[in-house]
Amino acid sequence: MKAQFTFDHFKTVLSILVIPMMLWGVKLEVNNAVMTETIEQMEDEIKKANETRIIVEQNRITLAQLKERIDSANDTLKDIKDILRDRHRNSVND
């Protein structure tokens, strides 16, 4: 008897291939869903990091302004201190 590849054999081979193809498709969909979720999480983290960066920049500017005010106050206090020393010296010399 000669082995002949018939339509029934072809149909059987195709039927055998359907299950692995379905499993591969399901795995692909799951991987796609996980990747989409990961991308959304990363986008949220990027937004939060950007918001934090903006706040840090605002704080940097505020600290620079505060430093200027403190430096100015220190200069004023130094001037007052010098004036008081001069008065004390003048009153001691009189």
Protein backbone atom coordinates (compact mmCIF):
# COMPACT_ATOMS: atom_id res chain seq x y z
CA MET A 1 0.00 0.00 0.00
CA LYS A 2 1.35 3.34 -1.04
CA ALA A 3 1.29 6.14 1.53
CA GLN A 4 -0.53 8.99 -0.04
CA PHE A 5 -0.91 12.45 1.36
CA THR A 6 -4.59 13.09 1.06
CA PHE A 7 -6.84 15.94 1.99
CA ASP A 8 -7.68 14.15 5.24
CA HIS A 9 -3.99 14.04 6.17
CA PHE A 10 -3.65 17.73 5.31
CA LYS A 11 -6.71 18.52 7.42
CA THR A 12 -5.28 16.52 10.35
CA VAL A 13 -1.94 18.37 10.16
CA LEU A 14 -3.72 21.73 10.08
CA SER A 15 -5.89 20.70 13.03
CA ILE A 16 -2.75 19.77 15.02
CA LEU A 17 -1.21 23.19 14.25
CA VAL A 18 -4.28 25.13 15.41
CA ILE A 19 -3.72 24.52 19.14
CA PRO A 20 -0.10 25.80 19.22
CA MET A 21 -1.15 28.79 17.12
CA MET A 22 -3.94 29.59 19.57
CA LEU A 23 -1.56 29.29 22.53
CA TRP A 24 0.94 31.55 20.77
CA GLY A 25 -1.82 34.10 20.07
CA VAL A 26 -2.96 34.09 23.70
CA LYS A 27 0.64 34.50 24.90
CA LEU A 28 1.10 37.37 22.47
CA GLU A 29 -2.06 39.11 23.72
CA VAL A 30 -0.98 38.68 27.35
CA ASN A 31 2.47 40.08 26.58
CA ASN A 32 0.87 43.01 24.76
CA ALA A 33 -1.44 43.75 27.70
CA VAL A 34 1.45 43.58 30.20
CA MET A 35 3.54 45.87 28.00
CA THR A 36 0.69 48.37 27.73
CA GLU A 37 0.24 48.39 31.51
CA THR A 38 3.99 48.85 32.02
CA ILE A 39 4.06 51.76 29.58
CA GLU A 40 1.16 53.44 31.40
CA GLN A 41 2.94 53.02 34.74
CA MET A 42 6.14 54.47 33.32
CA GLU A 43 4.27 57.43 31.84
CA ASP A 44 2.71 58.10 35.27
CA GLU A 45 6.16 57.94 36.87
CA ILE A 46 7.53 60.35 34.26
CA LYS A 47 4.69 62.79 34.98
CA LYS A 48 5.36 62.58 38.73
CA ALA A 49 9.09 63.06 38.20
CA ASN A 50 8.40 66.08 36.00
CA GLU A 51 6.10 67.58 38.63
CA THR A 52 8.80 66.97 41.26
CA ARG A 53 11.38 68.63 39.02
CA ILE A 54 9.17 71.71 38.69
CA ILE A 55 8.71 71.90 42.47
CA VAL A 56 12.46 71.54 43.01
CA GLU A 57 13.12 74.33 40.51
CA GLN A 58 10.63 76.59 42.29
CA ASN A 59 12.25 75.78 45.63
CA ARG A 60 15.69 76.56 44.19
CA ILE A 61 14.50 80.00 43.09
CA THR A 62 12.84 80.65 46.45
CA LEU A 63 15.99 79.62 48.31
CA ALA A 64 18.11 81.93 46.16
CA GLN A 65 15.75 84.83 46.96
CA LEU A 66 15.83 83.94 50.64
CA LYS A 67 19.63 83.86 50.59
CA GLU A 68 19.68 87.35 49.10
CA ARG A 69 17.37 88.61 51.87
CA ILE A 70 19.47 86.97 54.58
CA ASP A 71 22.66 88.42 53.09
CA SER A 72 21.03 91.85 53.02
CA ALA A 73 19.88 91.49 56.63
CA ASN A 74 23.40 90.41 57.65
CA ASP A 75 24.86 93.48 55.95
CA THR A 76 22.35 95.71 57.75
CA LEU A 77 23.16 94.07 61.09
CA LYS A 78 26.87 94.52 60.43
CA ASP A 79 26.29 98.21 59.72
CA ILE A 80 24.26 98.61 62.93
CA LYS A 81 26.93 96.80 64.89
CA ASP A 82 29.63 99.09 63.45
CA ILE A 83 27.55 102.18 64.30
CA LEU A 84 27.06 100.97 67.88
CA ARG A 85 30.79 100.26 68.26
CA ASP A 86 31.64 103.72 66.96
CA ARG A 87 29.19 105.32 69.41
CA HIS A 88 30.64 103.33 72.25
CA ARG A 89 34.19 104.36 71.31
CA ASN A 90 33.16 107.98 71.00
CA SER A 91 31.39 107.99 74.36
CA VAL A 92 34.39 106.38 76.07
CA ASN A 93 36.75 108.98 74.52
CA ASP A 94 34.59 111.92 75.64
